[in-house]
C-alpha atoms as a PDB file:
ATOM      1  CA  MET A   1     -15.089  -9.156   3.069  1.00  0.00           C
ATOM      2  CA  ALA A   2     -11.711  -7.944   4.335  1.00  0.00           C
ATOM      3  CA  THR A   3     -10.634  -8.844   7.839  1.00  0.00           C
ATOM      4  CA  ASP A   4     -10.093  -5.925  10.209  1.00  0.00           C
ATOM      5  CA  LEU A   5      -6.440  -6.320  11.212  1.00  0.00           C
ATOM      6  CA  ALA A   6      -6.280  -2.932  12.915  1.00  0.00           C
ATOM      7  CA  ASN A   7      -7.754  -4.403  16.095  1.00  0.00           C
ATOM      8  CA  ARG A   8      -5.711  -7.592  16.069  1.00  0.00           C
ATOM      9  CA  SER A   9      -3.111  -8.164  18.785  1.00  0.00           C
ATOM     10  CA  ASN A  10       0.467  -7.229  17.952  1.00  0.00           C
ATOM     11  CA  ASN A  11       1.796 -10.764  18.483  1.00  0.00           C
ATOM     12  CA  VAL A  12       5.417 -11.540  17.614  1.00  0.00           C
ATOM     13  CA  VAL A  13       4.316 -14.156  15.055  1.00  0.00           C
ATOM     14  CA  ASP A  14       2.149 -11.671  13.155  1.00  0.00           C
ATOM     15  CA  PRO A  15       3.666 -10.053  10.052  1.00  0.00           C
ATOM     16  CA  GLY A  16       5.456  -6.747  10.521  1.00  0.00           C
ATOM     17  CA  SER A  17       3.366  -3.609  10.362  1.00  0.00           C
ATOM     18  CA  ASN A  18       6.164  -1.010  10.377  1.00  0.00           C
ATOM     19  CA  ALA A  19       9.549  -0.595   8.697  1.00  0.00           C
ATOM     20  CA  ALA A  20      12.400   1.877   8.867  1.00  0.00           C
ATOM     21  CA  ALA A  21      15.787   2.341   7.248  1.00  0.00           C
ATOM     22  CA  VAL A  22      18.700   1.254   9.437  1.00  0.00           C
ATOM     23  CA  THR A  23      22.025   3.005   9.789  1.00  0.00           C
ATOM     24  CA  PRO A  24      24.372   0.392  11.286  1.00  0.00           C
ATOM     25  CA  ASN A  25      25.802   1.488  14.631  1.00  0.00           C
ATOM     26  CA  ASP A  26      28.025  -0.398  17.067  1.00  0.00           C
ATOM     27  CA  SER A  27      26.716   1.302  20.211  1.00  0.00           C
ATOM     28  CA  THR A  28      23.053   2.209  19.670  1.00  0.00           C
ATOM     29  CA  ASP A  29      20.136  -0.218  19.744  1.00  0.00           C
ATOM     30  CA  LEU A  30      17.276   0.025  17.278  1.00  0.00           C
ATOM     31  CA  THR A  31      14.119   1.728  18.506  1.00  0.00           C
ATOM     32  CA  TYR A  32      12.272  -1.618  18.333  1.00  0.00           C
ATOM     33  CA  THR A  33      13.313  -5.253  18.281  1.00  0.00           C
ATOM     34  CA  THR A  34      12.717  -6.458  14.742  1.00  0.00           C
ATOM     35  CA  ARG A  35      10.506  -9.246  13.450  1.00  0.00           C
ATOM     36  CA  ALA A  36      12.631  -9.371  10.299  1.00  0.00           C
ATOM     37  CA  VAL A  37      15.433  -7.544   8.509  1.00  0.00           C
ATOM     38  CA  TYR A  38      15.429  -6.736   4.791  1.00  0.00           C
ATOM     39  CA  VAL A  39      18.759  -6.424   2.967  1.00  0.00           C
ATOM     40  CA  GLY A  40      18.606  -4.527  -0.321  1.00  0.00           C
ATOM     41  CA  GLY A  41      22.303  -4.678  -1.201  1.00  0.00           C
ATOM     42  CA  ALA A  42      24.300  -7.900  -0.873  1.00  0.00           C
ATOM     43  CA  GLY A  43      26.980  -8.347   1.768  1.00  0.00           C
ATOM     44  CA  ASN A  44      27.537  -9.338   5.377  1.00  0.00           C
ATOM     45  CA  LEU A  45      25.115  -8.379   8.139  1.00  0.00           C
ATOM     46  CA  ALA A  46      26.413  -8.195  11.716  1.00  0.00           C
ATOM     47  CA  VAL A  47      23.687  -7.977  14.347  1.00  0.00           C
ATOM     48  CA  VAL A  48      22.959  -8.317  18.032  1.00  0.00           C
ATOM     49  CA  MET A  49      20.153 -10.843  18.326  1.00  0.00           C
ATOM     50  CA  ALA A  50      17.244 -10.225  20.703  1.00  0.00           C
ATOM     51  CA  GLY A  51      18.758 -12.917  22.945  1.00  0.00           C
ATOM     52  CA  GLY A  52      22.020 -10.961  23.230  1.00  0.00           C
ATOM     53  CA  GLN A  53      24.332 -12.905  20.885  1.00  0.00           C
ATOM     54  CA  THR A  54      26.374 -10.993  18.320  1.00  0.00           C
ATOM     55  CA  VAL A  55      26.457 -12.844  14.998  1.00  0.00           C
ATOM     56  CA  THR A  56      27.441 -12.103  11.405  1.00  0.00           C
ATOM     57  CA  PHE A  57      25.364 -13.432   8.523  1.00  0.00           C
ATOM     58  CA  THR A  58      27.825 -13.745   5.654  1.00  0.00           C
ATOM     59  CA  GLY A  59      26.991 -13.533   1.983  1.00  0.00           C
ATOM     60  CA  VAL A  60      23.444 -12.256   2.390  1.00  0.00           C
ATOM     61  CA  THR A  61      21.981 -11.816  -1.089  1.00  0.00           C
ATOM     62  CA  ALA A  62      20.353  -8.629  -2.330  1.00  0.00           C
ATOM     63  CA  GLY A  63      16.630  -8.656  -1.666  1.00  0.00           C
ATOM     64  CA  ALA A  64      16.875 -11.097   1.241  1.00  0.00           C
ATOM     65  CA  LEU A  65      14.273 -10.972   4.003  1.00  0.00           C
ATOM     66  CA  LEU A  66      15.748 -12.519   7.138  1.00  0.00           C
ATOM     67  CA  PRO A  67      13.183 -13.622   9.762  1.00  0.00           C
ATOM     68  CA  ILE A  68      15.389 -12.601  12.689  1.00  0.00           C
ATOM     69  CA  ARG A  69      14.713 -10.660  15.877  1.00  0.00           C
ATOM     70  CA  VAL A  70      17.556  -8.201  16.409  1.00  0.00           C
ATOM     71  CA  SER A  71      18.104  -5.282  18.755  1.00  0.00           C
ATOM     72  CA  ARG A  72      21.065  -3.752  16.892  1.00  0.00           C
ATOM     73  CA  VAL A  73      22.661  -3.768  13.451  1.00  0.00           C
ATOM     74  CA  MET A  74      26.403  -3.424  13.892  1.00  0.00           C
ATOM     75  CA  SER A  75      28.561  -1.147  11.773  1.00  0.00           C
ATOM     76  CA  THR A  76      31.645  -3.327  12.268  1.00  0.00           C
ATOM     77  CA  ASN A  77      31.553  -6.300   9.861  1.00  0.00           C
ATOM     78  CA  THR A  78      28.371  -5.118   8.088  1.00  0.00           C
ATOM     79  CA  THR A  79      28.934  -4.647   4.359  1.00  0.00           C
ATOM     80  CA  ALA A  80      25.314  -5.102   3.258  1.00  0.00           C
ATOM     81  CA  THR A  81      23.431  -1.964   2.239  1.00  0.00           C
ATOM     82  CA  THR A  82      19.868  -0.653   2.089  1.00  0.00           C
ATOM     83  CA  ILE A  83      18.897  -2.350   5.349  1.00  0.00           C
ATOM     84  CA  LEU A  84      15.350  -2.105   6.687  1.00  0.00           C
ATOM     85  CA  ALA A  85      14.167  -3.074  10.151  1.00  0.00           C
ATOM     86  CA  ILE A  86      10.668  -4.542  10.140  1.00  0.00           C
ATOM     87  CA  TRP A  87       8.653  -4.706  13.351  1.00  0.00           C
END
């Protein structure tokens, strides 16, 4: 019998239930803080973490799923492509 996950709490440690393509932007936050970020095309990923720090993940491989909570994906210093926010 399948478990009914529709009524489960939306806890931060639960897997993501939504995803959306990200257009990197230096001044606009994402609609939601992510649970993870998927990178489809290799490169660098500059983000603002949920805690406020701006960091650049260098050399992210294509197909990587980063378990990071970010509020923004920066345009400056981001060379990775096909980025998805998962929340």
